[in-house]
Amino acid sequence: MIRVLAYLAIILIGLCISPFFDGMNGYLYVAFWDYEVEMGVVTAIVGLILFYCILQVVEWCLVFLLNLILSSRLLPEKWRRKAARKHTLVGALALAEEDWPVAEKAMAKGAEKGELPALNLLAAARAAQHQNDSTSRDNYLNEAEKEPIAVNAVTTTRTRYLLQQGDLISAREQLDKLSPSSKSKLPVLRLAIELYQAQSDFNALKLLLPIIKKRQLLSDSAFAELTMSTNRSLLLSATEVSEQELEKVWHWLSRAERKEMSYLTLYCIGLNRYDRKPEALKLLMKHLKSSPSTELLTGLGEILLPTDLDERELIFSMEKKHAENIDFQILLAKLHQQNSDHRRAKEYWQKVCQIQPSKAHWLALGEAQEHLGEQNPAILSYRNAIKAD
């Protein structure tokens, strides 16, 4: 456009100044081979301008013809791209409507000549996953993985689909390729949490907890629940392995966590299993005087035997102090039951069943009544246990 305006300006300037050259008798003589041309200066200038304009028009015509020829050859390609955009739109609408067969077919067609084939293939894989067609799904993912920039996205997607399919081993292989760390994307970390829990790999989950807290993936309550379940599972599994593994896990916990009664109780139960009962009782009895929690009282009920006279005497002496503590009453009932003092045990179990009825409590009460020969009350207690189930 600017060039055309420049040419027009030159012509207008020439027209404006041409009258000034009208009275001039300039003469131009041009000889080329056997040709000779004689003309005035003004005529020569006007002729040059006209020649240049004609040359420019010829150039425009040639460019136009070339573009027309090339575009006609590329018309089929344009049609294919237009069709690919149409298929992609149809597929996207089908995905929104959750019409999975139509979405898969449209997205697969749109990937052939689409602008973003990897995106189409991932969408087609999603539709195939919802149809439980793992073969087609894997084919789409393999094709999408050929795009270098889409490798991580494809691996993340494949991990999620394998996890949904229940193939935990293959899903873990894919997740390990992503190497979940503090620099990983949030979807990868969420997948790691879900997969580690599904595999009961609490060691890996324990290593991931600081990253989860730092990245704020979970709410405070959800994170606290995950931390507790992870630590408890680690202690329980370590108890089944060896004493060394139990100590390793116990010292893996932070100082604050080692003060938690639920963890301390599990640790003491583990110590008792490996013939370190005095150490376990010492830890539990120390905390019993200050804070008799539910977990601690439950742990004492599992560890104490009739031969532990000093500990039992101390617990019985605290009966009046904790008369309203239902967990303490359950512990007393268990201890009397261990001593075969079924009458006292029955009294405590009756009180427990009034406040906190449950199947286990009704069964314990029925057992105590049966030992005392109270058949009808025992039958009634067993019926209540069935109803509480």
Protein backbone atom coordinates (compact mmCIF):
# COMPACT_ATOMS: atom_id res chain seq x y z
CA MET A 1 0.00 0.00 0.00
CA ILE A 2 2.81 2.41 0.87
CA ARG A 3 4.59 1.65 -2.39
CA VAL A 4 1.45 2.44 -4.40
CA LEU A 5 1.04 5.74 -2.58
CA ALA A 6 4.68 6.57 -3.31
CA TYR A 7 4.22 5.86 -7.02
CA LEU A 8 1.06 7.95 -7.10
CA ALA A 9 2.87 10.82 -5.38
CA ILE A 10 5.67 10.67 -7.98
CA ILE A 11 3.15 10.80 -10.84
CA LEU A 12 1.29 13.73 -9.27
CA ILE A 13 4.53 15.62 -8.70
CA GLY A 14 5.47 14.99 -12.33
CA LEU A 15 2.14 16.32 -13.52
CA CYS A 16 2.52 19.40 -11.35
CA ILE A 17 6.01 20.34 -12.54
CA SER A 18 5.57 19.37 -16.20
CA PRO A 19 4.25 22.84 -17.20
CA PHE A 20 7.52 24.37 -16.06
CA PHE A 21 9.38 22.23 -18.58
CA ASP A 22 6.98 23.02 -21.44
CA GLY A 23 9.04 25.85 -22.89
CA MET A 24 12.35 24.03 -22.55
CA ASN A 25 13.88 22.53 -25.66
CA GLY A 26 15.77 19.66 -24.03
CA TYR A 27 16.76 16.92 -26.42
CA LEU A 28 17.41 13.21 -25.76
CA TYR A 29 19.13 10.89 -28.20
CA VAL A 30 19.34 7.12 -27.45
CA ALA A 31 21.23 4.68 -29.70
CA PHE A 32 21.16 0.94 -29.09
CA TRP A 33 22.61 -1.41 -31.72
CA ASP A 34 20.89 -0.43 -34.97
CA TYR A 35 18.10 1.44 -33.22
CA GLU A 36 18.05 5.17 -32.67
CA VAL A 37 15.49 7.10 -30.66
CA GLU A 38 15.17 10.87 -30.49
CA MET A 39 12.77 12.59 -28.09
CA GLY A 40 12.37 15.49 -25.71
CA VAL A 41 13.38 15.27 -22.04
CA VAL A 42 9.80 15.62 -20.76
CA THR A 43 8.61 12.87 -23.07
CA ALA A 44 11.42 10.59 -21.87
CA ILE A 45 10.57 11.15 -18.17
CA VAL A 46 6.87 10.50 -18.71
CA GLY A 47 7.71 7.38 -20.71
CA LEU A 48 9.94 6.01 -17.94
CA ILE A 49 7.21 6.58 -15.37
CA LEU A 50 4.64 4.80 -17.52
CA PHE A 51 7.05 1.93 -18.17
CA TYR A 52 7.65 1.46 -14.45
CA CYS A 53 3.91 1.48 -13.74
CA ILE A 54 3.29 -1.13 -16.41
CA LEU A 55 6.14 -3.25 -14.97
CA GLN A 56 4.59 -3.05 -11.49
CA VAL A 57 1.17 -4.11 -12.80
CA VAL A 58 2.76 -7.08 -14.55
CA GLU A 59 4.50 -8.06 -11.28
CA TRP A 60 1.21 -7.95 -9.38
CA CYS A 61 -0.46 -10.11 -12.00
CA LEU A 62 2.31 -12.73 -11.87
CA VAL A 63 2.23 -12.90 -8.07
CA PHE A 64 -1.55 -13.27 -8.14
CA LEU A 65 -1.38 -16.10 -10.68
CA LEU A 66 1.32 -17.93 -8.71
CA ASN A 67 -0.70 -17.69 -5.47
CA LEU A 68 -3.78 -18.92 -7.28
CA ILE A 69 -1.93 -21.94 -8.70
CA LEU A 70 -0.32 -22.88 -5.39
CA SER A 71 -3.53 -22.47 -3.40
CA SER A 72 -5.41 -24.66 -5.85
CA ARG A 73 -2.83 -27.43 -5.35
CA LEU A 74 -3.15 -27.14 -1.53
CA LEU A 75 -6.95 -27.10 -1.49
CA PRO A 76 -7.29 -30.80 -0.42
CA GLU A 77 -4.97 -30.13 2.55
CA LYS A 78 -7.06 -27.14 3.58
CA TRP A 79 -10.20 -29.21 3.33
CA ARG A 80 -8.64 -31.88 5.55
CA ARG A 81 -7.67 -29.32 8.18
CA LYS A 82 -11.13 -27.82 8.09
CA ALA A 83 -12.64 -31.28 8.53
CA ALA A 84 -10.22 -31.96 11.42
CA ARG A 85 -11.38 -28.80 13.20
CA LYS A 86 -14.98 -29.89 12.69
CA HIS A 87 -14.27 -33.37 14.11
CA THR A 88 -12.48 -31.82 17.10
CA LEU A 89 -15.48 -29.59 17.83
CA VAL A 90 -17.87 -32.55 17.58
CA GLY A 91 -15.60 -34.57 19.87
CA ALA A 92 -15.37 -31.78 22.45
CA LEU A 93 -19.16 -31.46 22.54
CA ALA A 94 -19.50 -35.24 22.88
CA LEU A 95 -17.02 -35.22 25.80
CA ALA A 96 -19.10 -32.54 27.51
CA GLU A 97 -22.18 -34.72 27.04
CA GLU A 98 -20.22 -37.83 28.10
CA ASP A 99 -21.12 -39.55 24.83
CA TRP A 100 -17.92 -41.59 24.90
CA PRO A 101 -18.21 -43.60 21.61
CA VAL A 102 -18.91 -40.48 19.54
CA ALA A 103 -16.19 -38.55 21.37
CA GLU A 104 -13.59 -41.24 20.75
CA LYS A 105 -14.39 -41.54 17.05
CA ALA A 106 -14.48 -37.76 16.45
CA MET A 107 -11.30 -37.02 18.40
CA ALA A 108 -9.41 -39.82 16.65
CA LYS A 109 -10.42 -38.41 13.25
CA GLY A 110 -9.56 -34.89 14.32
CA ALA A 111 -6.05 -35.99 15.30
CA GLU A 112 -5.10 -36.95 11.74
CA LYS A 113 -4.83 -33.40 10.39
CA GLY A 114 -5.53 -31.43 13.56
CA GLU A 115 -3.52 -28.50 14.81
CA LEU A 116 -2.92 -30.23 18.18
CA PRO A 117 -2.95 -33.99 17.50
CA ALA A 118 -1.63 -34.90 20.96
CA LEU A 119 -4.59 -33.14 22.58
CA ASN A 120 -7.04 -35.01 20.34
CA LEU A 121 -5.37 -38.33 21.11
CA LEU A 122 -5.47 -37.72 24.87
CA ALA A 123 -9.16 -36.90 24.62
CA ALA A 124 -9.76 -40.06 22.57
CA ALA A 125 -7.86 -42.09 25.18
CA ARG A 126 -10.08 -40.64 27.90
CA ALA A 127 -13.20 -41.65 25.97
CA ALA A 128 -11.79 -45.16 25.44
CA GLN A 129 -11.00 -45.44 29.16
CA HIS A 130 -14.60 -44.68 30.04
CA GLN A 131 -15.62 -47.51 27.70
CA ASN A 132 -13.13 -49.93 29.36
CA ASP A 133 -11.35 -50.30 26.02
CA SER A 134 -7.78 -50.54 27.29
CA THR A 135 -6.34 -51.61 23.91
CA SER A 136 -7.57 -48.52 22.04
CA ARG A 137 -6.66 -46.35 25.00
CA ASP A 138 -3.06 -47.55 25.01
CA ASN A 139 -2.80 -47.08 21.23
CA TYR A 140 -3.94 -43.46 21.51
CA LEU A 141 -1.50 -42.81 24.35
CA ASN A 142 1.39 -44.36 22.43
CA GLU A 143 0.66 -42.10 19.46
CA ALA A 144 0.37 -39.02 21.67
CA GLU A 145 3.67 -39.87 23.36
CA LYS A 146 5.49 -39.32 20.06
CA GLU A 147 5.08 -35.59 20.68
CA PRO A 148 8.09 -34.72 22.90
CA ILE A 149 6.31 -31.98 24.81
CA ALA A 150 3.44 -34.36 25.70
CA VAL A 151 5.53 -37.16 27.24
CA ASN A 152 4.97 -36.19 30.89
CA ALA A 153 1.27 -35.55 30.31
CA VAL A 154 0.88 -38.95 28.65
CA THR A 155 2.77 -40.70 31.47
CA THR A 156 0.59 -38.98 34.08
CA THR A 157 -2.56 -39.93 32.19
CA ARG A 158 -1.42 -43.54 31.73
CA THR A 159 -0.66 -43.80 35.45
CA ARG A 160 -4.13 -42.54 36.34
CA TYR A 161 -5.86 -44.95 33.96
CA LEU A 162 -3.85 -47.95 35.15
CA LEU A 163 -4.67 -47.04 38.74
CA GLN A 164 -8.37 -46.85 37.88
CA GLN A 165 -8.05 -50.18 36.11
CA GLY A 166 -6.54 -51.74 39.24
CA ASP A 167 -3.18 -52.56 37.66
CA LEU A 168 -1.15 -51.18 40.56
CA ILE A 169 2.20 -52.65 39.48
CA SER A 170 2.10 -51.09 36.01
CA ALA A 171 0.81 -47.84 37.46
CA ARG A 172 3.75 -47.74 39.89
CA GLU A 173 6.19 -48.29 37.01
CA GLN A 174 4.73 -45.27 35.21
CA LEU A 175 4.70 -43.16 38.38
CA ASP A 176 8.37 -43.94 39.06
CA LYS A 177 9.19 -42.46 35.64
CA LEU A 178 7.75 -39.16 36.88
CA SER A 179 9.82 -39.30 40.11
CA PRO A 180 7.42 -37.47 42.48
CA SER A 181 9.29 -34.74 44.33
CA SER A 182 8.84 -31.21 45.64
CA LYS A 183 9.19 -29.95 42.06
CA SER A 184 6.51 -32.24 40.64
CA LYS A 185 3.16 -30.93 39.49
CA LEU A 186 0.17 -31.24 41.80
CA PRO A 187 -1.60 -33.95 39.73
CA VAL A 188 1.50 -36.14 39.97
CA LEU A 189 1.65 -35.73 43.75
CA ARG A 190 -2.05 -36.52 44.12
CA LEU A 191 -1.57 -39.65 42.02
CA ALA A 192 1.38 -40.63 44.21
CA ILE A 193 -0.72 -40.29 47.38
CA GLU A 194 -3.52 -42.40 45.94
CA LEU A 195 -1.24 -45.07 44.51
CA TYR A 196 0.97 -45.38 47.61
CA GLN A 197 -2.14 -45.83 49.74
CA ALA A 198 -3.54 -48.43 47.34
CA GLN A 199 -0.24 -50.35 47.50
CA SER A 200 0.11 -49.84 51.27
CA ASP A 201 3.57 -48.44 50.60
CA PHE A 202 3.66 -46.34 53.74
CA ASN A 203 7.43 -45.87 53.59
CA ALA A 204 7.09 -43.97 50.31
CA LEU A 205 4.08 -42.13 51.69
CA LYS A 206 6.03 -41.10 54.79
CA LEU A 207 8.74 -39.57 52.58
CA LEU A 208 6.06 -37.70 50.67
CA LEU A 209 4.38 -36.18 53.76
CA PRO A 210 6.72 -33.13 54.07
CA ILE A 211 6.14 -32.31 50.39
CA ILE A 212 2.37 -32.63 50.83
CA LYS A 213 2.49 -30.24 53.76
CA LYS A 214 4.74 -27.76 51.97
CA ARG A 215 2.65 -27.72 48.78
CA GLN A 216 -0.61 -27.66 50.80
CA LEU A 217 -2.19 -30.45 48.79
CA LEU A 218 -4.61 -31.39 51.57
CA SER A 219 -6.59 -29.54 54.18
CA ASP A 220 -5.25 -29.53 57.72
CA SER A 221 -7.71 -32.17 58.89
CA ALA A 222 -7.08 -34.42 55.87
CA PHE A 223 -3.32 -34.08 56.26
CA ALA A 224 -3.52 -34.93 59.98
CA GLU A 225 -5.63 -37.99 59.18
CA LEU A 226 -3.19 -39.11 56.47
CA THR A 227 -0.22 -38.61 58.79
CA MET A 228 -1.83 -40.62 61.57
CA SER A 229 -2.85 -43.51 59.32
CA THR A 230 0.63 -43.58 57.77
CA ASN A 231 2.49 -43.59 61.08
CA ARG A 232 0.17 -46.17 62.63
CA SER A 233 0.51 -48.44 59.61
CA LEU A 234 4.29 -48.13 59.71
CA LEU A 235 4.39 -49.09 63.39
CA LEU A 236 2.02 -52.02 62.90
CA SER A 237 3.92 -53.38 59.90
CA ALA A 238 7.28 -52.89 61.64
CA THR A 239 5.99 -54.86 64.64
CA GLU A 240 5.33 -57.78 62.31
CA VAL A 241 8.82 -57.60 60.78
CA SER A 242 11.41 -57.34 63.53
CA GLU A 243 12.47 -55.48 66.65
CA GLN A 244 15.10 -53.57 64.68
CA GLU A 245 12.49 -52.42 62.16
CA LEU A 246 10.25 -51.29 65.01
CA GLU A 247 13.04 -49.18 66.50
CA LYS A 248 13.87 -47.76 63.09
CA VAL A 249 10.30 -46.63 62.49
CA TRP A 250 9.94 -45.29 66.05
CA HIS A 251 12.98 -43.07 65.69
CA TRP A 252 11.79 -42.03 62.22
CA LEU A 253 8.93 -40.25 63.93
CA SER A 254 9.49 -36.70 65.07
CA ARG A 255 9.84 -35.85 68.74
CA ALA A 256 6.33 -34.44 68.83
CA GLU A 257 4.92 -37.54 67.16
CA ARG A 258 6.63 -39.83 69.67
CA LYS A 259 4.62 -38.08 72.39
CA GLU A 260 1.31 -38.98 70.72
CA MET A 261 -0.49 -41.64 72.79
CA SER A 262 -1.71 -43.60 69.78
CA TYR A 263 1.84 -44.03 68.45
CA LEU A 264 3.31 -44.65 71.91
CA THR A 265 0.76 -47.35 72.60
CA LEU A 266 1.51 -49.18 69.36
CA TYR A 267 5.23 -48.92 70.09
CA CYS A 268 4.74 -50.39 73.56
CA ILE A 269 2.64 -53.24 72.18
CA GLY A 270 5.51 -53.96 69.81
CA LEU A 271 8.02 -53.88 72.66
CA ASN A 272 5.87 -56.32 74.61
CA ARG A 273 5.87 -58.66 71.62
CA TYR A 274 9.68 -58.72 71.60
CA ASP A 275 10.00 -59.51 75.32
CA ARG A 276 10.51 -55.92 76.44
CA LYS A 277 7.41 -55.80 78.59
CA PRO A 278 8.96 -53.96 81.58
CA GLU A 279 10.06 -51.12 79.32
CA ALA A 280 6.64 -50.97 77.68
CA LEU A 281 4.77 -50.92 81.00
CA LYS A 282 7.09 -48.25 82.37
CA LEU A 283 6.28 -45.94 79.45
CA LEU A 284 2.54 -46.57 79.66
CA MET A 285 2.26 -46.27 83.44
CA LYS A 286 4.21 -43.02 83.35
CA HIS A 287 1.63 -41.44 81.08
CA LEU A 288 -1.31 -43.10 82.86
CA LYS A 289 -0.85 -40.80 85.86
CA SER A 290 -0.99 -37.65 83.75
CA SER A 291 -3.23 -38.38 80.76
CA PRO A 292 -5.11 -41.71 80.62
CA SER A 293 -6.19 -41.56 76.98
CA THR A 294 -8.33 -44.15 75.21
CA GLU A 295 -5.37 -45.54 73.26
CA LEU A 296 -3.23 -45.86 76.40
CA LEU A 297 -5.94 -47.68 78.37
CA THR A 298 -6.57 -50.01 75.43
CA GLY A 299 -2.86 -50.77 75.22
CA LEU A 300 -2.68 -51.57 78.94
CA GLY A 301 -5.60 -53.94 78.54
CA GLU A 302 -3.64 -55.86 75.89
CA ILE A 303 -0.31 -55.94 77.72
CA LEU A 304 -1.21 -56.47 81.38
CA LEU A 305 -1.40 -59.99 82.80
CA PRO A 306 -2.55 -61.24 86.23
CA THR A 307 1.11 -61.49 87.24
CA ASP A 308 1.65 -57.73 86.88
CA LEU A 309 0.59 -57.06 90.46
CA ASP A 310 2.15 -53.62 91.00
CA GLU A 311 0.67 -52.14 87.87
CA ARG A 312 -2.75 -53.66 88.54
CA GLU A 313 -2.75 -52.36 92.11
CA LEU A 314 -1.94 -48.86 90.90
CA ILE A 315 -4.75 -48.99 88.33
CA PHE A 316 -7.28 -50.20 90.93
CA SER A 317 -6.25 -47.40 93.24
CA MET A 318 -7.19 -44.86 90.57
CA GLU A 319 -10.73 -46.22 90.20
CA LYS A 320 -12.48 -43.43 92.11
CA LYS A 321 -10.49 -40.76 90.31
CA HIS A 322 -11.63 -41.99 86.89
CA ALA A 323 -15.09 -43.27 87.81
CA GLU A 324 -16.66 -41.34 84.90
CA ASN A 325 -14.08 -42.40 82.33
CA ILE A 326 -15.73 -45.13 80.27
CA ASP A 327 -12.40 -46.34 78.86
CA PHE A 328 -11.04 -46.73 82.36
CA GLN A 329 -14.12 -48.79 83.29
CA ILE A 330 -13.47 -51.05 80.29
CA LEU A 331 -9.89 -51.56 81.48
CA LEU A 332 -11.08 -52.45 84.99
CA ALA A 333 -13.58 -54.92 83.57
CA LYS A 334 -10.84 -56.62 81.52
CA LEU A 335 -8.51 -56.81 84.49
CA HIS A 336 -11.16 -58.41 86.72
CA GLN A 337 -12.00 -60.79 83.90
CA GLN A 338 -8.32 -61.81 83.75
CA ASN A 339 -8.45 -62.57 87.48
CA SER A 340 -11.59 -64.66 86.91
CA ASP A 341 -13.47 -62.24 89.16
CA HIS A 342 -16.54 -62.47 86.96
CA ARG A 343 -18.87 -60.79 89.43
CA ARG A 344 -16.84 -57.59 89.52
CA ALA A 345 -16.26 -57.84 85.78
CA LYS A 346 -20.03 -58.10 85.25
CA GLU A 347 -20.61 -54.93 87.26
CA TYR A 348 -18.19 -52.96 85.11
CA TRP A 349 -19.47 -54.43 81.83
CA GLN A 350 -23.05 -53.55 82.79
CA LYS A 351 -22.02 -49.97 83.42
CA VAL A 352 -20.12 -49.87 80.09
CA CYS A 353 -23.08 -51.31 78.14
CA GLN A 354 -25.38 -48.67 79.58
CA ILE A 355 -23.12 -45.83 78.48
CA GLN A 356 -21.43 -47.25 75.36
CA PRO A 357 -23.29 -50.31 74.06
CA SER A 358 -21.51 -52.26 71.33
CA LYS A 359 -21.26 -55.82 70.12
CA ALA A 360 -17.94 -56.47 71.89
CA HIS A 361 -19.19 -55.03 75.17
CA TRP A 362 -22.44 -57.01 75.14
CA LEU A 363 -20.52 -60.22 74.36
CA ALA A 364 -18.13 -59.58 77.25
CA LEU A 365 -21.09 -58.98 79.58
CA GLY A 366 -22.81 -62.15 78.37
CA GLU A 367 -19.63 -64.16 78.94
CA ALA A 368 -19.32 -62.86 82.52
CA GLN A 369 -22.99 -63.65 83.21
CA GLU A 370 -22.59 -67.13 81.74
CA HIS A 371 -19.65 -67.82 84.06
CA LEU A 372 -21.83 -66.81 86.98
CA GLY A 373 -24.59 -69.19 85.86
CA GLU A 374 -26.96 -66.38 84.91
CA GLN A 375 -28.22 -68.03 81.74
CA ASN A 376 -31.24 -65.86 80.96
CA PRO A 377 -29.40 -62.53 81.38
CA ALA A 378 -26.53 -63.97 79.32
CA ILE A 379 -28.93 -64.92 76.51
CA LEU A 380 -30.40 -61.42 76.62
CA SER A 381 -26.89 -59.90 76.39
CA TYR A 382 -26.04 -62.08 73.40
CA ARG A 383 -29.27 -60.97 71.69
CA ASN A 384 -28.30 -57.36 72.29
CA ALA A 385 -24.91 -58.12 70.74
CA ILE A 386 -26.65 -59.47 67.62
CA LYS A 387 -28.80 -56.36 67.38
CA ALA A 388 -25.75 -54.12 67.81
CA ASP A 389 -23.93 -55.82 64.94
